[in-house]
Amino acid sequence: MEVVLHLPAVPNVELVAAKAVETLGEAMGMDRDGIEAVSVAVVEACLNAMEHGGSSFVVRLAGEDGVSPRMRVEVEDQGRGFDPDACPPDDSTRVHGCVSKRGWGLILIRELMDDVQISSRPGLTRVRMWKELENAP
């Protein structure tokens, strides 16, 4: 089961991706807490793609079977790229002793999802994230 969305960077389009997460999550038997966590993570990744990635981006959602069923989400854009290692993996985003308003999206994504991989270079940034299905059949 896979959903691929080619989305323009326009206001509120991240809600289309969130609705796709909800639909696929329900079809997979994901619990409400899992769906909500993935929805928030995909919204954050979409907002980053819209801000930094140009006029459009792609969202891929898939159910993965195996020992532990899970949902895989990829958000891909063609922006200028960034160094994922330079973005703090926790709440240490501070500038001159004050908490910065930047970088919280990636922190939230990492907190909500079970696994996150980010690859980026000029012209291609891909955020891959996975959420295990709780109480999977």
Protein backbone atom coordinates (compact mmCIF):
# COMPACT_ATOMS: atom_id res chain seq x y z
CA MET A 1 0.00 0.00 0.00
CA GLU A 2 1.55 3.31 -1.07
CA VAL A 3 0.37 6.88 -1.56
CA VAL A 4 2.43 9.42 -3.51
CA LEU A 5 1.49 13.10 -3.40
CA HIS A 6 3.05 15.76 -5.63
CA LEU A 7 2.15 18.97 -3.82
CA PRO A 8 2.58 22.65 -4.66
CA ALA A 9 4.03 24.87 -1.96
CA VAL A 10 0.79 26.74 -1.23
CA PRO A 11 -0.85 27.61 2.10
CA ASN A 12 -2.51 24.72 3.94
CA VAL A 13 -1.39 22.01 1.47
CA GLU A 14 0.26 20.22 4.40
CA LEU A 15 -3.28 19.34 5.51
CA VAL A 16 -3.68 17.21 2.36
CA ALA A 17 -0.67 15.15 3.47
CA ALA A 18 -2.07 14.90 7.01
CA LYS A 19 -5.39 13.61 5.65
CA ALA A 20 -3.53 11.01 3.57
CA VAL A 21 -1.72 9.86 6.75
CA GLU A 22 -5.05 9.50 8.51
CA THR A 23 -6.60 7.53 5.64
CA LEU A 24 -3.64 5.18 5.23
CA GLY A 25 -3.17 4.80 8.99
CA GLU A 26 -6.80 3.75 9.43
CA ALA A 27 -6.50 1.26 6.54
CA MET A 28 -3.39 -0.21 8.19
CA GLY A 29 -5.06 -0.52 11.60
CA MET A 30 -2.87 2.14 13.25
CA ASP A 31 -4.22 3.45 16.55
CA ARG A 32 -5.40 7.07 16.92
CA ASP A 33 -2.30 8.16 18.88
CA GLY A 34 -0.02 6.77 16.16
CA ILE A 35 -1.99 8.49 13.40
CA GLU A 36 -1.88 11.80 15.24
CA ALA A 37 1.87 11.53 15.84
CA VAL A 38 2.57 10.78 12.17
CA SER A 39 0.19 13.54 11.06
CA VAL A 40 1.99 16.16 13.17
CA ALA A 41 5.39 14.93 11.96
CA VAL A 42 4.34 15.03 8.29
CA VAL A 43 2.89 18.53 8.71
CA GLU A 44 6.20 19.73 10.19
CA ALA A 45 8.20 18.10 7.37
CA CYS A 46 5.87 19.63 4.76
CA LEU A 47 6.18 23.09 6.30
CA ASN A 48 9.97 22.78 6.16
CA ALA A 49 9.80 21.64 2.52
CA MET A 50 7.55 24.58 1.64
CA GLU A 51 9.79 27.07 3.42
CA HIS A 52 13.12 25.79 2.12
CA GLY A 53 12.39 23.56 -0.88
CA GLY A 54 11.03 25.60 -3.73
CA SER A 55 7.66 25.60 -5.46
CA SER A 56 6.70 21.95 -4.94
CA PHE A 57 7.56 18.82 -3.00
CA VAL A 58 6.69 15.12 -2.83
CA VAL A 59 5.22 13.11 0.03
CA ARG A 60 5.34 9.30 -0.05
CA LEU A 61 3.44 7.20 2.48
CA ALA A 62 3.65 3.43 2.64
CA GLY A 63 2.70 0.58 4.90
CA GLU A 64 5.58 -1.82 5.52
CA ASP A 65 4.90 -5.39 6.60
CA GLY A 66 7.43 -7.49 8.41
CA VAL A 67 8.30 -8.55 11.90
CA SER A 68 7.02 -5.18 13.11
CA PRO A 69 4.51 -3.48 10.76
CA ARG A 70 5.06 0.24 10.39
CA MET A 71 4.25 3.31 8.32
CA ARG A 72 7.03 4.91 6.29
CA VAL A 73 6.81 8.58 5.33
CA GLU A 74 9.15 10.45 2.99
CA VAL A 75 9.05 14.16 2.29
CA GLU A 76 11.33 15.26 -0.53
CA ASP A 77 12.10 18.72 -1.90
CA GLN A 78 14.54 20.32 -4.32
CA GLY A 79 15.76 23.17 -2.13
CA ARG A 80 19.23 24.40 -1.35
CA GLY A 81 19.88 21.62 1.17
CA PHE A 82 21.26 21.82 4.68
CA ASP A 83 23.49 19.92 7.07
CA PRO A 84 21.18 17.69 9.16
CA ASP A 85 23.99 17.11 11.66
CA ALA A 86 24.15 20.84 12.35
CA CYS A 87 20.53 20.81 13.54
CA PRO A 88 20.34 19.91 17.21
CA PRO A 89 18.65 16.56 17.85
CA ASP A 90 17.10 17.79 21.11
CA ASP A 91 16.03 20.97 22.87
CA SER A 92 19.53 22.49 22.79
CA THR A 93 18.55 25.02 20.11
CA ARG A 94 19.90 28.12 21.85
CA VAL A 95 21.27 31.37 20.56
CA HIS A 96 23.12 33.59 23.06
CA GLY A 97 21.46 31.79 25.97
CA CYS A 98 17.94 32.21 24.59
CA VAL A 99 15.90 29.43 23.08
CA SER A 100 15.73 29.90 19.30
CA LYS A 101 12.41 29.72 17.47
CA ARG A 102 14.15 27.84 14.63
CA GLY A 103 14.69 24.10 14.37
CA TRP A 104 11.76 22.94 16.49
CA GLY A 105 10.12 21.12 13.56
CA LEU A 106 12.95 18.61 13.30
CA ILE A 107 13.03 18.19 17.07
CA LEU A 108 9.31 17.45 17.07
CA ILE A 109 9.63 15.01 14.17
CA ARG A 110 12.39 13.13 16.00
CA GLU A 111 10.31 13.00 19.18
CA LEU A 112 7.12 11.76 17.51
CA MET A 113 8.54 9.15 15.15
CA ASP A 114 10.32 5.88 15.94
CA ASP A 115 13.10 6.39 13.40
CA VAL A 116 14.14 9.42 11.32
CA GLN A 117 16.76 9.66 8.57
CA ILE A 118 17.58 12.92 6.83
CA SER A 119 19.71 13.21 3.73
CA SER A 120 20.34 16.57 2.11
CA ARG A 121 22.43 18.20 -0.57
CA PRO A 122 21.76 21.10 -2.91
CA GLY A 123 18.78 20.15 -5.05
CA LEU A 124 17.53 17.24 -2.91
CA THR A 125 16.49 16.95 0.70
CA ARG A 126 14.73 13.78 1.83
CA VAL A 127 13.27 13.26 5.30
CA ARG A 128 12.41 9.60 5.92
CA MET A 129 10.53 8.64 9.04
CA TRP A 130 8.92 5.49 10.40
CA LYS A 131 6.23 4.82 12.96
CA GLU A 132 5.64 1.33 14.34
CA LEU A 133 2.04 0.14 14.54
CA GLU A 134 1.04 -0.36 18.15
CA ASN A 135 -1.05 -3.44 18.79
CA ALA A 136 -0.54 -4.63 15.23
CA PRO A 137 -2.47 -7.79 14.35
